[in-house]
């Protein structure tokens, strides 16, 4: 799978949330999130590149093209996390988790979720 750029990830997040969008709809969502006007042609060009890379598909049956994500959010997260973990933490999941928990304020609810996940993993072994 091709690694999406930061701008491509922002577009993918809109498509994952909405499932199908026109360029204009994606552009409007990006502008809302950034609280700044994003150029329509910039969004269009980025989405054309993403289509060429195989990250998104395009239904051009109607006058207005409809775009959909080809890559799943879960697969993309896994790929990016694996690369990040390999390059920054030498592949150590525990180092990643310890760093994340040590540098952030973790809520009681988040800790409970983490404990539950650890229990589930241990019970599968």
PDB file of N, CA and C in Angstrom:
ATOM      1  N   UNK A   1       0.844  -1.175   0.000  1.00  0.00           N
ATOM      2  CA  UNK A   1       0.000   0.000   0.000  1.00  0.00           C
ATOM      3  C   UNK A   1       0.894   1.244   0.000  1.00  0.00           C
ATOM      4  N   UNK A   2       0.501   2.228  -0.773  1.00  0.00           N
ATOM      5  CA  UNK A   2       1.213   3.490  -0.839  1.00  0.00           C
ATOM      6  C   UNK A   2       0.985   4.286   0.431  1.00  0.00           C
ATOM      7  N   UNK A   3       2.054   4.856   0.962  1.00  0.00           N
ATOM      8  CA  UNK A   3       1.952   5.664   2.183  1.00  0.00           C
ATOM      9  C   UNK A   3       1.357   7.025   1.823  1.00  0.00           C
ATOM     10  N   UNK A   4       0.215   7.362   2.407  1.00  0.00           N
ATOM     11  CA  UNK A   4      -0.389   8.671   2.114  1.00  0.00           C
ATOM     12  C   UNK A   4       0.373   9.801   2.798  1.00  0.00           C
ATOM     13  N   UNK A   5       0.395  10.957   2.127  1.00  0.00           N
ATOM     14  CA  UNK A   5       0.993  12.155   2.713  1.00  0.00           C
ATOM     15  C   UNK A   5       0.034  12.704   3.770  1.00  0.00           C
ATOM     16  N   UNK A   6       0.474  13.737   4.482  1.00  0.00           N
ATOM     17  CA  UNK A   6      -0.381  14.342   5.500  1.00  0.00           C
ATOM     18  C   UNK A   6      -1.653  14.916   4.875  1.00  0.00           C
ATOM     19  N   UNK A   7      -1.523  15.593   3.739  1.00  0.00           N
ATOM     20  CA  UNK A   7      -2.699  16.153   3.056  1.00  0.00           C
ATOM     21  C   UNK A   7      -3.629  15.049   2.573  1.00  0.00           C
ATOM     22  N   UNK A   8      -3.049  13.976   2.068  1.00  0.00           N
ATOM     23  CA  UNK A   8      -3.859  12.848   1.607  1.00  0.00           C
ATOM     24  C   UNK A   8      -4.596  12.192   2.765  1.00  0.00           C
ATOM     25  N   UNK A   9      -3.933  12.111   3.924  1.00  0.00           N
ATOM     26  CA  UNK A   9      -4.583  11.552   5.112  1.00  0.00           C
ATOM     27  C   UNK A   9      -5.788  12.381   5.526  1.00  0.00           C
ATOM     28  N   UNK A  10      -5.672  13.690   5.438  1.00  0.00           N
ATOM     29  CA  UNK A  10      -6.800  14.556   5.784  1.00  0.00           C
ATOM     30  C   UNK A  10      -7.989  14.289   4.857  1.00  0.00           C
ATOM     31  N   UNK A  11      -7.714  14.089   3.580  1.00  0.00           N
ATOM     32  CA  UNK A  11      -8.777  13.787   2.612  1.00  0.00           C
ATOM     33  C   UNK A  11      -9.356  12.412   2.891  1.00  0.00           C
ATOM     34  N   UNK A  12      -8.491  11.440   3.176  1.00  0.00           N
ATOM     35  CA  UNK A  12      -8.973  10.096   3.495  1.00  0.00           C
ATOM     36  C   UNK A  12      -9.879  10.117   4.721  1.00  0.00           C
ATOM     37  N   UNK A  13      -9.534  10.914   5.716  1.00  0.00           N
ATOM     38  CA  UNK A  13     -10.369  10.987   6.920  1.00  0.00           C
ATOM     39  C   UNK A  13     -11.772  11.485   6.586  1.00  0.00           C
ATOM     40  N   UNK A  14     -11.864  12.436   5.676  1.00  0.00           N
ATOM     41  CA  UNK A  14     -13.184  12.917   5.251  1.00  0.00           C
ATOM     42  C   UNK A  14     -13.933  11.797   4.532  1.00  0.00           C
ATOM     43  N   UNK A  15     -13.254  11.095   3.637  1.00  0.00           N
ATOM     44  CA  UNK A  15     -13.903  10.023   2.877  1.00  0.00           C
ATOM     45  C   UNK A  15     -14.272   8.844   3.771  1.00  0.00           C
ATOM     46  N   UNK A  16     -13.466   8.533   4.752  1.00  0.00           N
ATOM     47  CA  UNK A  16     -13.812   7.451   5.684  1.00  0.00           C
ATOM     48  C   UNK A  16     -15.057   7.825   6.476  1.00  0.00           C
ATOM     49  N   UNK A  17     -15.156   9.067   6.852  1.00  0.00           N
ATOM     50  CA  UNK A  17     -16.307   9.519   7.640  1.00  0.00           C
ATOM     51  C   UNK A  17     -17.569   9.586   6.780  1.00  0.00           C
ATOM     52  N   UNK A  18     -17.465  10.135   5.589  1.00  0.00           N
ATOM     53  CA  UNK A  18     -18.642  10.374   4.744  1.00  0.00           C
ATOM     54  C   UNK A  18     -18.917   9.243   3.755  1.00  0.00           C
ATOM     55  N   UNK A  19     -17.934   8.397   3.507  1.00  0.00           N
ATOM     56  CA  UNK A  19     -17.979   7.268   2.568  1.00  0.00           C
ATOM     57  C   UNK A  19     -17.872   7.679   1.108  1.00  0.00           C
ATOM     58  N   UNK A  20     -18.697   8.625   0.644  1.00  0.00           N
ATOM     59  CA  UNK A  20     -18.649   9.080  -0.745  1.00  0.00           C
ATOM     60  C   UNK A  20     -18.770  10.595  -0.761  1.00  0.00           C
ATOM     61  N   UNK A  21     -17.919  11.254  -1.568  1.00  0.00           N
ATOM     62  CA  UNK A  21     -17.947  12.714  -1.619  1.00  0.00           C
ATOM     63  C   UNK A  21     -17.506  13.222  -2.980  1.00  0.00           C
ATOM     64  N   UNK A  22     -17.975  14.404  -3.307  1.00  0.00           N
ATOM     65  CA  UNK A  22     -17.440  15.137  -4.446  1.00  0.00           C
ATOM     66  C   UNK A  22     -16.201  15.891  -3.964  1.00  0.00           C
ATOM     67  N   UNK A  23     -15.433  16.412  -4.898  1.00  0.00           N
ATOM     68  CA  UNK A  23     -14.276  17.231  -4.529  1.00  0.00           C
ATOM     69  C   UNK A  23     -14.737  18.436  -3.714  1.00  0.00           C
ATOM     70  N   UNK A  24     -15.819  19.061  -4.129  1.00  0.00           N
ATOM     71  CA  UNK A  24     -16.328  20.240  -3.431  1.00  0.00           C
ATOM     72  C   UNK A  24     -16.685  19.899  -1.982  1.00  0.00           C
ATOM     73  N   UNK A  25     -17.341  18.763  -1.754  1.00  0.00           N
ATOM     74  CA  UNK A  25     -17.708  18.362  -0.391  1.00  0.00           C
ATOM     75  C   UNK A  25     -16.466  18.129   0.467  1.00  0.00           C
ATOM     76  N   UNK A  26     -15.458  17.469  -0.110  1.00  0.00           N
ATOM     77  CA  UNK A  26     -14.211  17.242   0.618  1.00  0.00           C
ATOM     78  C   UNK A  26     -13.565  18.582   0.939  1.00  0.00           C
ATOM     79  N   UNK A  27     -13.517  19.462  -0.048  1.00  0.00           N
ATOM     80  CA  UNK A  27     -12.907  20.774   0.131  1.00  0.00           C
ATOM     81  C   UNK A  27     -13.595  21.562   1.239  1.00  0.00           C
ATOM     82  N   UNK A  28     -14.914  21.522   1.281  1.00  0.00           N
ATOM     83  CA  UNK A  28     -15.661  22.232   2.324  1.00  0.00           C
ATOM     84  C   UNK A  28     -15.355  21.672   3.707  1.00  0.00           C
ATOM     85  N   UNK A  29     -15.276  20.347   3.818  1.00  0.00           N
ATOM     86  CA  UNK A  29     -14.958  19.722   5.106  1.00  0.00           C
ATOM     87  C   UNK A  29     -13.552  20.084   5.567  1.00  0.00           C
ATOM     88  N   UNK A  30     -12.602  20.077   4.649  1.00  0.00           N
ATOM     89  CA  UNK A  30     -11.230  20.446   5.000  1.00  0.00           C
ATOM     90  C   UNK A  30     -11.165  21.891   5.478  1.00  0.00           C
ATOM     91  N   UNK A  31     -11.887  22.769   4.804  1.00  0.00           N
ATOM     92  CA  UNK A  31     -11.907  24.181   5.187  1.00  0.00           C
ATOM     93  C   UNK A  31     -12.513  24.365   6.575  1.00  0.00           C
ATOM     94  N   UNK A  32     -13.551  23.584   6.889  1.00  0.00           N
ATOM     95  CA  UNK A  32     -14.162  23.651   8.223  1.00  0.00           C
ATOM     96  C   UNK A  32     -13.170  23.208   9.294  1.00  0.00           C
ATOM     97  N   UNK A  33     -12.497  22.085   9.034  1.00  0.00           N
ATOM     98  CA  UNK A  33     -11.575  21.532  10.028  1.00  0.00           C
ATOM     99  C   UNK A  33     -10.389  22.455  10.274  1.00  0.00           C
ATOM    100  N   UNK A  34      -9.891  23.076   9.220  1.00  0.00           N
ATOM    101  CA  UNK A  34      -8.721  23.948   9.364  1.00  0.00           C
ATOM    102  C   UNK A  34      -9.107  25.375   9.708  1.00  0.00           C
ATOM    103  N   UNK A  35     -10.397  25.640   9.670  1.00  0.00           N
ATOM    104  CA  UNK A  35     -10.920  26.977   9.929  1.00  0.00           C
ATOM    105  C   UNK A  35     -10.225  28.016   9.058  1.00  0.00           C
ATOM    106  N   UNK A  36      -9.966  27.595   7.821  1.00  0.00           N
ATOM    107  CA  UNK A  36      -9.360  28.467   6.822  1.00  0.00           C
ATOM    108  C   UNK A  36      -9.773  27.954   5.447  1.00  0.00           C
ATOM    109  N   UNK A  37      -9.862  28.855   4.513  1.00  0.00           N
ATOM    110  CA  UNK A  37     -10.262  28.476   3.161  1.00  0.00           C
ATOM    111  C   UNK A  37      -9.157  27.661   2.492  1.00  0.00           C
ATOM    112  N   UNK A  38      -9.510  26.476   2.039  1.00  0.00           N
ATOM    113  CA  UNK A  38      -8.587  25.627   1.302  1.00  0.00           C
ATOM    114  C   UNK A  38      -8.938  25.773  -0.173  1.00  0.00           C
ATOM    115  N   UNK A  39      -7.948  25.939  -1.013  1.00  0.00           N
ATOM    116  CA  UNK A  39      -8.203  26.118  -2.435  1.00  0.00           C
ATOM    117  C   UNK A  39      -8.823  24.873  -3.058  1.00  0.00           C
ATOM    118  N   UNK A  40      -9.894  25.067  -3.798  1.00  0.00           N
ATOM    119  CA  UNK A  40     -10.576  23.959  -4.469  1.00  0.00           C
ATOM    120  C   UNK A  40      -9.617  23.226  -5.402  1.00  0.00           C
ATOM    121  N   UNK A  41      -8.827  23.977  -6.158  1.00  0.00           N
ATOM    122  CA  UNK A  41      -7.922  23.334  -7.129  1.00  0.00           C
ATOM    123  C   UNK A  41      -6.842  22.521  -6.422  1.00  0.00           C
ATOM    124  N   UNK A  42      -6.450  22.955  -5.234  1.00  0.00           N
ATOM    125  CA  UNK A  42      -5.476  22.189  -4.440  1.00  0.00           C
ATOM    126  C   UNK A  42      -6.074  20.843  -4.037  1.00  0.00           C
ATOM    127  N   UNK A  43      -7.315  20.877  -3.554  1.00  0.00           N
ATOM    128  CA  UNK A  43      -8.001  19.644  -3.175  1.00  0.00           C
ATOM    129  C   UNK A  43      -8.184  18.746  -4.389  1.00  0.00           C
ATOM    130  N   UNK A  44      -8.602  19.309  -5.504  1.00  0.00           N
ATOM    131  CA  UNK A  44      -8.806  18.550  -6.736  1.00  0.00           C
ATOM    132  C   UNK A  44      -7.517  17.873  -7.176  1.00  0.00           C
ATOM    133  N   UNK A  45      -6.420  18.618  -7.214  1.00  0.00           N
ATOM    134  CA  UNK A  45      -5.138  18.067  -7.656  1.00  0.00           C
ATOM    135  C   UNK A  45      -4.678  16.941  -6.725  1.00  0.00           C
ATOM    136  N   UNK A  46      -4.822  17.156  -5.423  1.00  0.00           N
ATOM    137  CA  UNK A  46      -4.420  16.127  -4.455  1.00  0.00           C
ATOM    138  C   UNK A  46      -5.247  14.863  -4.654  1.00  0.00           C
ATOM    139  N   UNK A  47      -6.543  15.031  -4.875  1.00  0.00           N
ATOM    140  CA  UNK A  47      -7.405  13.861  -5.066  1.00  0.00           C
ATOM    141  C   UNK A  47      -7.100  13.162  -6.400  1.00  0.00           C
ATOM    142  N   UNK A  48      -6.706  13.896  -7.415  1.00  0.00           N
ATOM    143  CA  UNK A  48      -6.298  13.277  -8.685  1.00  0.00           C
ATOM    144  C   UNK A  48      -5.051  12.422  -8.481  1.00  0.00           C
ATOM    145  N   UNK A  49      -4.108  12.950  -7.719  1.00  0.00           N
ATOM    146  CA  UNK A  49      -2.888  12.191  -7.411  1.00  0.00           C
ATOM    147  C   UNK A  49      -3.226  10.944  -6.598  1.00  0.00           C
ATOM    148  N   UNK A  50      -4.125  11.099  -5.620  1.00  0.00           N
ATOM    149  CA  UNK A  50      -4.535   9.958  -4.802  1.00  0.00           C
ATOM    150  C   UNK A  50      -5.201   8.887  -5.656  1.00  0.00           C
ATOM    151  N   UNK A  51      -5.969   9.303  -6.645  1.00  0.00           N
ATOM    152  CA  UNK A  51      -6.612   8.358  -7.556  1.00  0.00           C
ATOM    153  C   UNK A  51      -5.555   7.597  -8.348  1.00  0.00           C
ATOM    154  N   UNK A  52      -4.549   8.311  -8.831  1.00  0.00           N
ATOM    155  CA  UNK A  52      -3.454   7.676  -9.574  1.00  0.00           C
ATOM    156  C   UNK A  52      -2.683   6.687  -8.697  1.00  0.00           C
ATOM    157  N   UNK A  53      -2.532   7.007  -7.418  1.00  0.00           N
ATOM    158  CA  UNK A  53      -1.829   6.137  -6.476  1.00  0.00           C
ATOM    159  C   UNK A  53      -2.667   4.933  -6.062  1.00  0.00           C
ATOM    160  N   UNK A  54      -3.970   4.973  -6.336  1.00  0.00           N
ATOM    161  CA  UNK A  54      -4.848   3.881  -5.932  1.00  0.00           C
ATOM    162  C   UNK A  54      -5.382   4.002  -4.521  1.00  0.00           C
ATOM    163  N   UNK A  55      -5.270   5.182  -3.914  1.00  0.00           N
ATOM    164  CA  UNK A  55      -5.780   5.386  -2.562  1.00  0.00           C
ATOM    165  C   UNK A  55      -7.289   5.620  -2.553  1.00  0.00           C
ATOM    166  N   UNK A  56      -7.802   6.222  -3.635  1.00  0.00           N
ATOM    167  CA  UNK A  56      -9.230   6.486  -3.741  1.00  0.00           C
ATOM    168  C   UNK A  56      -9.714   6.063  -5.123  1.00  0.00           C
ATOM    169  N   UNK A  57     -11.009   5.825  -5.226  1.00  0.00           N
ATOM    170  CA  UNK A  57     -11.611   5.506  -6.527  1.00  0.00           C
ATOM    171  C   UNK A  57     -12.564   6.625  -6.897  1.00  0.00           C
ATOM    172  N   UNK A  58     -12.923   6.642  -8.177  1.00  0.00           N
ATOM    173  CA  UNK A  58     -13.774   7.717  -8.682  1.00  0.00           C
ATOM    174  C   UNK A  58     -14.877   7.118  -9.538  1.00  0.00           C
ATOM    175  N   UNK A  59     -16.107   7.495  -9.232  1.00  0.00           N
ATOM    176  CA  UNK A  59     -17.254   7.117 -10.056  1.00  0.00           C
ATOM    177  C   UNK A  59     -17.546   8.318 -10.949  1.00  0.00           C
ATOM    178  N   UNK A  60     -17.251   8.170 -12.222  1.00  0.00           N
ATOM    179  CA  UNK A  60     -17.432   9.284 -13.140  1.00  0.00           C
ATOM    180  C   UNK A  60     -18.624   9.081 -14.075  1.00  0.00           C
ATOM    181  N   UNK A  61     -19.591   8.285 -13.612  1.00  0.00           N
ATOM    182  CA  UNK A  61     -20.787   8.023 -14.419  1.00  0.00           C
ATOM    183  C   UNK A  61     -21.645   9.287 -14.567  1.00  0.00           C
ATOM    184  N   UNK A  62     -21.676  10.116 -13.540  1.00  0.00           N
ATOM    185  CA  UNK A  62     -22.455  11.356 -13.586  1.00  0.00           C
ATOM    186  C   UNK A  62     -21.521  12.521 -13.917  1.00  0.00           C
ATOM    187  N   UNK A  63     -22.117  13.678 -14.149  1.00  0.00           N
ATOM    188  CA  UNK A  63     -21.329  14.874 -14.453  1.00  0.00           C
ATOM    189  C   UNK A  63     -20.366  15.208 -13.317  1.00  0.00           C
ATOM    190  N   UNK A  64     -20.868  15.145 -12.075  1.00  0.00           N
ATOM    191  CA  UNK A  64     -20.042  15.388 -10.902  1.00  0.00           C
ATOM    192  C   UNK A  64     -19.467  14.064 -10.422  1.00  0.00           C
ATOM    193  N   UNK A  65     -18.143  13.974 -10.370  1.00  0.00           N
ATOM    194  CA  UNK A  65     -17.486  12.739  -9.963  1.00  0.00           C
ATOM    195  C   UNK A  65     -17.618  12.536  -8.464  1.00  0.00           C
ATOM    196  N   UNK A  66     -17.832  11.287  -8.088  1.00  0.00           N
ATOM    197  CA  UNK A  66     -17.947  10.898  -6.684  1.00  0.00           C
ATOM    198  C   UNK A  66     -16.712  10.064  -6.332  1.00  0.00           C
ATOM    199  N   UNK A  67     -16.085  10.397  -5.224  1.00  0.00           N
ATOM    200  CA  UNK A  67     -14.867   9.717  -4.790  1.00  0.00           C
ATOM    201  C   UNK A  67     -15.128   8.898  -3.535  1.00  0.00           C
ATOM    202  N   UNK A  68     -14.424   7.765  -3.442  1.00  0.00           N
ATOM    203  CA  UNK A  68     -14.504   6.876  -2.293  1.00  0.00           C
ATOM    204  C   UNK A  68     -13.096   6.401  -1.934  1.00  0.00           C
ATOM    205  N   UNK A  69     -12.868   6.155  -0.653  1.00  0.00           N
ATOM    206  CA  UNK A  69     -11.577   5.616  -0.223  1.00  0.00           C
ATOM    207  C   UNK A  69     -11.473   4.156  -0.655  1.00  0.00           C
ATOM    208  N   UNK A  70     -10.328   3.788  -1.191  1.00  0.00           N
ATOM    209  CA  UNK A  70     -10.058   2.390  -1.536  1.00  0.00           C
ATOM    210  C   UNK A  70      -9.390   1.705  -0.346  1.00  0.00           C
ATOM    211  N   UNK A  71      -8.493   2.431   0.317  1.00  0.00           N
ATOM    212  CA  UNK A  71      -7.802   1.890   1.482  1.00  0.00           C
ATOM    213  C   UNK A  71      -8.675   2.087   2.713  1.00  0.00           C
ATOM    214  N   UNK A  72      -8.627   1.137   3.619  1.00  0.00           N
ATOM    215  CA  UNK A  72      -9.434   1.251   4.835  1.00  0.00           C
ATOM    216  C   UNK A  72      -8.682   2.049   5.901  1.00  0.00           C
ATOM    217  N   UNK A  73      -9.447   2.621   6.799  1.00  0.00           N
ATOM    218  CA  UNK A  73      -8.849   3.388   7.886  1.00  0.00           C
ATOM    219  C   UNK A  73      -7.973   2.479   8.747  1.00  0.00           C
ATOM    220  N   UNK A  74      -8.470   1.288   9.063  1.00  0.00           N
ATOM    221  CA  UNK A  74      -7.734   0.357   9.910  1.00  0.00           C
ATOM    222  C   UNK A  74      -6.409  -0.062   9.257  1.00  0.00           C
ATOM    223  N   UNK A  75      -6.439  -0.414   7.980  1.00  0.00           N
ATOM    224  CA  UNK A  75      -5.213  -0.827   7.281  1.00  0.00           C
ATOM    225  C   UNK A  75      -4.202   0.316   7.223  1.00  0.00           C
ATOM    226  N   UNK A  76      -4.693   1.516   6.988  1.00  0.00           N
ATOM    227  CA  UNK A  76      -3.811   2.682   6.908  1.00  0.00           C
ATOM    228  C   UNK A  76      -3.185   2.970   8.262  1.00  0.00           C
ATOM    229  N   UNK A  77      -3.990   2.926   9.322  1.00  0.00           N
ATOM    230  CA  UNK A  77      -3.461   3.148  10.669  1.00  0.00           C
ATOM    231  C   UNK A  77      -2.396   2.108  10.996  1.00  0.00           C
ATOM    232  N   UNK A  78      -2.679   0.850  10.673  1.00  0.00           N
ATOM    233  CA  UNK A  78      -1.732  -0.226  10.961  1.00  0.00           C
ATOM    234  C   UNK A  78      -0.422  -0.013  10.214  1.00  0.00           C
ATOM    235  N   UNK A  79      -0.515   0.312   8.927  1.00  0.00           N
ATOM    236  CA  UNK A  79       0.688   0.515   8.123  1.00  0.00           C
ATOM    237  C   UNK A  79       1.524   1.677   8.654  1.00  0.00           C
ATOM    238  N   UNK A  80       0.878   2.799   8.949  1.00  0.00           N
ATOM    239  CA  UNK A  80       1.604   3.964   9.442  1.00  0.00           C
ATOM    240  C   UNK A  80       2.195   3.717  10.821  1.00  0.00           C
ATOM    241  N   UNK A  81       1.439   3.037  11.685  1.00  0.00           N
ATOM    242  CA  UNK A  81       1.941   2.728  13.016  1.00  0.00           C
ATOM    243  C   UNK A  81       3.124   1.767  12.951  1.00  0.00           C
ATOM    244  N   UNK A  82       3.033   0.745  12.102  1.00  0.00           N
ATOM    245  CA  UNK A  82       4.141  -0.203  11.954  1.00  0.00           C
ATOM    246  C   UNK A  82       5.411   0.514  11.511  1.00  0.00           C
ATOM    247  N   UNK A  83       5.292   1.394  10.523  1.00  0.00           N
ATOM    248  CA  UNK A  83       6.465   2.142  10.045  1.00  0.00           C
ATOM    249  C   UNK A  83       7.029   3.040  11.135  1.00  0.00           C
ATOM    250  N   UNK A  84       6.124   3.734  11.831  1.00  0.00           N
ATOM    251  CA  UNK A  84       6.547   4.628  12.900  1.00  0.00           C
ATOM    252  C   UNK A  84       7.242   3.846  14.011  1.00  0.00           C
ATOM    253  N   UNK A  85       6.648   2.722  14.406  1.00  0.00           N
ATOM    254  CA  UNK A  85       7.207   1.912  15.479  1.00  0.00           C
ATOM    255  C   UNK A  85       8.581   1.370  15.078  1.00  0.00           C
ATOM    256  N   UNK A  86       8.711   0.924  13.842  1.00  0.00           N
ATOM    257  CA  UNK A  86      10.001   0.403  13.366  1.00  0.00           C
ATOM    258  C   UNK A  86      11.065   1.490  13.313  1.00  0.00           C
ATOM    259  N   UNK A  87      10.701   2.656  12.785  1.00  0.00           N
ATOM    260  CA  UNK A  87      11.707   3.700  12.582  1.00  0.00           C
ATOM    261  C   UNK A  87      12.056   4.461  13.860  1.00  0.00           C
ATOM    262  N   UNK A  88      11.121   4.618  14.778  1.00  0.00           N
ATOM    263  CA  UNK A  88      11.369   5.432  15.972  1.00  0.00           C
ATOM    264  C   UNK A  88      11.660   4.585  17.208  1.00  0.00           C
ATOM    265  N   UNK A  89      10.988   3.436  17.333  1.00  0.00           N
ATOM    266  CA  UNK A  89      11.112   2.617  18.542  1.00  0.00           C
ATOM    267  C   UNK A  89      11.746   1.256  18.280  1.00  0.00           C
ATOM    268  N   UNK A  90      12.445   1.122  17.156  1.00  0.00           N
ATOM    269  CA  UNK A  90      13.125  -0.129  16.779  1.00  0.00           C
ATOM    270  C   UNK A  90      12.205  -1.342  16.876  1.00  0.00           C
ATOM    271  N   UNK A  91      10.924  -1.135  16.552  1.00  0.00           N
ATOM    272  CA  UNK A  91       9.964  -2.235  16.515  1.00  0.00           C
ATOM    273  C   UNK A  91       9.387  -2.628  17.859  1.00  0.00           C
ATOM    274  N   UNK A  92       9.699  -1.897  18.895  1.00  0.00           N
ATOM    275  CA  UNK A  92       9.244  -2.256  20.239  1.00  0.00           C
ATOM    276  C   UNK A  92       7.902  -1.612  20.562  1.00  0.00           C
ATOM    277  N   UNK A  93       6.871  -2.431  20.644  1.00  0.00           N
ATOM    278  CA  UNK A  93       5.541  -1.939  21.005  1.00  0.00           C
ATOM    279  C   UNK A  93       5.534  -1.420  22.440  1.00  0.00           C
ATOM    280  N   UNK A  94       6.261  -2.094  23.330  1.00  0.00           N
ATOM    281  CA  UNK A  94       6.267  -1.663  24.728  1.00  0.00           C
ATOM    282  C   UNK A  94       6.911  -0.288  24.879  1.00  0.00           C
ATOM    283  N   UNK A  95       7.992  -0.022  24.133  1.00  0.00           N
ATOM    284  CA  UNK A  95       8.622   1.301  24.189  1.00  0.00           C
ATOM    285  C   UNK A  95       7.665   2.382  23.698  1.00  0.00           C
ATOM    286  N   UNK A  96       6.932   2.085  22.645  1.00  0.00           N
ATOM    287  CA  UNK A  96       5.948   3.026  22.109  1.00  0.00           C
ATOM    288  C   UNK A  96       4.876   3.330  23.155  1.00  0.00           C
ATOM    289  N   UNK A  97       4.330   2.297  23.759  1.00  0.00           N
ATOM    290  CA  UNK A  97       3.264   2.456  24.756  1.00  0.00           C
ATOM    291  C   UNK A  97       3.779   3.201  25.993  1.00  0.00           C
ATOM    292  N   UNK A  98       4.954   2.828  26.472  1.00  0.00           N
ATOM    293  CA  UNK A  98       5.505   3.495  27.651  1.00  0.00           C
ATOM    294  C   UNK A  98       5.737   4.981  27.386  1.00  0.00           C
ATOM    295  N   UNK A  99       6.234   5.295  26.213  1.00  0.00           N
ATOM    296  CA  UNK A  99       6.461   6.697  25.851  1.00  0.00           C
ATOM    297  C   UNK A  99       5.142   7.445  25.752  1.00  0.00           C
ATOM    298  N   UNK A 100       4.160   6.829  25.119  1.00  0.00           N
ATOM    299  CA  UNK A 100       2.853   7.480  24.945  1.00  0.00           C
ATOM    300  C   UNK A 100       2.171   7.716  26.293  1.00  0.00           C
ATOM    301  N   UNK A 101       2.197   6.721  27.154  1.00  0.00           N
ATOM    302  CA  UNK A 101       1.549   6.872  28.455  1.00  0.00           C
ATOM    303  C   UNK A 101       2.323   7.802  29.385  1.00  0.00           C
ATOM    304  N   UNK A 102       3.635   7.838  29.238  1.00  0.00           N
ATOM    305  CA  UNK A 102       4.458   8.683  30.096  1.00  0.00           C
ATOM    306  C   UNK A 102       4.385  10.155  29.743  1.00  0.00           C
ATOM    307  N   UNK A 103       4.065  10.463  28.498  1.00  0.00           N
ATOM    308  CA  UNK A 103       4.065  11.860  28.050  1.00  0.00           C
ATOM    309  C   UNK A 103       2.692  12.492  27.965  1.00  0.00           C
ATOM    310  N   UNK A 104       1.656  11.738  28.199  1.00  0.00           N
ATOM    311  CA  UNK A 104       0.306  12.255  28.051  1.00  0.00           C
ATOM    312  C   UNK A 104      -0.474  12.056  29.349  1.00  0.00           C
ATOM    313  N   UNK A 105      -1.492  12.883  29.522  1.00  0.00           N
ATOM    314  CA  UNK A 105      -2.400  12.690  30.648  1.00  0.00           C
ATOM    315  C   UNK A 105      -3.417  11.640  30.221  1.00  0.00           C
ATOM    316  N   UNK A 106      -3.353  10.491  30.834  1.00  0.00           N
ATOM    317  CA  UNK A 106      -4.240   9.397  30.503  1.00  0.00           C
ATOM    318  C   UNK A 106      -5.398   9.387  31.484  1.00  0.00           C
ATOM    319  N   UNK A 107      -6.621   9.343  30.951  1.00  0.00           N
ATOM    320  CA  UNK A 107      -7.799   9.350  31.820  1.00  0.00           C
ATOM    321  C   UNK A 107      -8.013   7.971  32.433  1.00  0.00           C
ATOM    322  N   UNK A 108      -8.805   7.932  33.471  1.00  0.00           N
ATOM    323  CA  UNK A 108      -9.156   6.669  34.124  1.00  0.00           C
ATOM    324  C   UNK A 108      -9.855   5.743  33.133  1.00  0.00           C
ATOM    325  N   UNK A 109     -10.717   6.314  32.287  1.00  0.00           N
ATOM    326  CA  UNK A 109     -11.440   5.523  31.292  1.00  0.00           C
ATOM    327  C   UNK A 109     -10.473   4.914  30.272  1.00  0.00           C
ATOM    328  N   UNK A 110      -9.497   5.708  29.840  1.00  0.00           N
ATOM    329  CA  UNK A 110      -8.514   5.200  28.881  1.00  0.00           C
ATOM    330  C   UNK A 110      -7.677   4.085  29.497  1.00  0.00           C
ATOM    331  N   UNK A 111      -7.279   4.259  30.748  1.00  0.00           N
ATOM    332  CA  UNK A 111      -6.509   3.208  31.427  1.00  0.00           C
ATOM    333  C   UNK A 111      -7.332   1.928  31.560  1.00  0.00           C
ATOM    334  N   UNK A 112      -8.630   2.070  31.848  1.00  0.00           N
ATOM    335  CA  UNK A 112      -9.502   0.901  31.947  1.00  0.00           C
ATOM    336  C   UNK A 112      -9.585   0.183  30.599  1.00  0.00           C
ATOM    337  N   UNK A 113      -9.682   0.952  29.514  1.00  0.00           N
ATOM    338  CA  UNK A 113      -9.715   0.348  28.174  1.00  0.00           C
ATOM    339  C   UNK A 113      -8.422  -0.388  27.873  1.00  0.00           C
ATOM    340  N   UNK A 114      -7.301   0.219  28.249  1.00  0.00           N
ATOM    341  CA  UNK A 114      -5.993  -0.404  28.018  1.00  0.00           C
ATOM    342  C   UNK A 114      -5.882  -1.704  28.811  1.00  0.00           C
ATOM    343  N   UNK A 115      -6.308  -1.676  30.073  1.00  0.00           N
ATOM    344  CA  UNK A 115      -6.269  -2.889  30.901  1.00  0.00           C
ATOM    345  C   UNK A 115      -7.148  -3.987  30.306  1.00  0.00           C
ATOM    346  N   UNK A 116      -8.315  -3.586  29.810  1.00  0.00           N
ATOM    347  CA  UNK A 116      -9.229  -4.548  29.197  1.00  0.00           C
ATOM    348  C   UNK A 116      -8.581  -5.184  27.960  1.00  0.00           C
ATOM    349  N   UNK A 117      -7.930  -4.368  27.139  1.00  0.00           N
ATOM    350  CA  UNK A 117      -7.252  -4.879  25.952  1.00  0.00           C
ATOM    351  C   UNK A 117      -6.128  -5.834  26.326  1.00  0.00           C
ATOM    352  N   UNK A 118      -5.365  -5.491  27.348  1.00  0.00           N
ATOM    353  CA  UNK A 118      -4.275  -6.365  27.806  1.00  0.00           C
ATOM    354  C   UNK A 118      -4.852  -7.695  28.282  1.00  0.00           C
ATOM    355  N   UNK A 119      -5.941  -7.664  29.043  1.00  0.00           N
ATOM    356  CA  UNK A 119      -6.593  -8.890  29.513  1.00  0.00           C
ATOM    357  C   UNK A 119      -7.035  -9.749  28.330  1.00  0.00           C
ATOM    358  N   UNK A 120      -7.641  -9.112  27.318  1.00  0.00           N
ATOM    359  CA  UNK A 120      -8.100  -9.855  26.134  1.00  0.00           C
ATOM    360  C   UNK A 120      -6.934 -10.506  25.410  1.00  0.00           C
ATOM    361  N   UNK A 121      -5.826  -9.782  25.279  1.00  0.00           N
ATOM    362  CA  UNK A 121      -4.648 -10.325  24.604  1.00  0.00           C
ATOM    363  C   UNK A 121      -4.088 -11.498  25.403  1.00  0.00           C
ATOM    364  N   UNK A 122      -4.005 -11.353  26.721  1.00  0.00           N
ATOM    365  CA  UNK A 122      -3.478 -12.419  27.558  1.00  0.00           C
ATOM    366  C   UNK A 122      -4.378 -13.654  27.520  1.00  0.00           C
ATOM    367  N   UNK A 123      -5.688 -13.471  27.460  1.00  0.00           N
ATOM    368  CA  UNK A 123      -6.615 -14.595  27.427  1.00  0.00           C
ATOM    369  C   UNK A 123      -6.580 -15.348  26.097  1.00  0.00           C
ATOM    370  N   UNK A 124      -6.135 -14.713  25.037  1.00  0.00           N
ATOM    371  CA  UNK A 124      -6.027 -15.372  23.725  1.00  0.00           C
ATOM    372  C   UNK A 124      -4.816 -16.277  23.650  1.00  0.00           C
ATOM    373  N   UNK A 125      -3.820 -16.048  24.524  1.00  0.00           N
ATOM    374  CA  UNK A 125      -2.570 -16.829  24.461  1.00  0.00           C
ATOM    375  C   UNK A 125      -2.708 -18.139  25.150  1.00  0.00           C
TER     376      UNK A 125
END
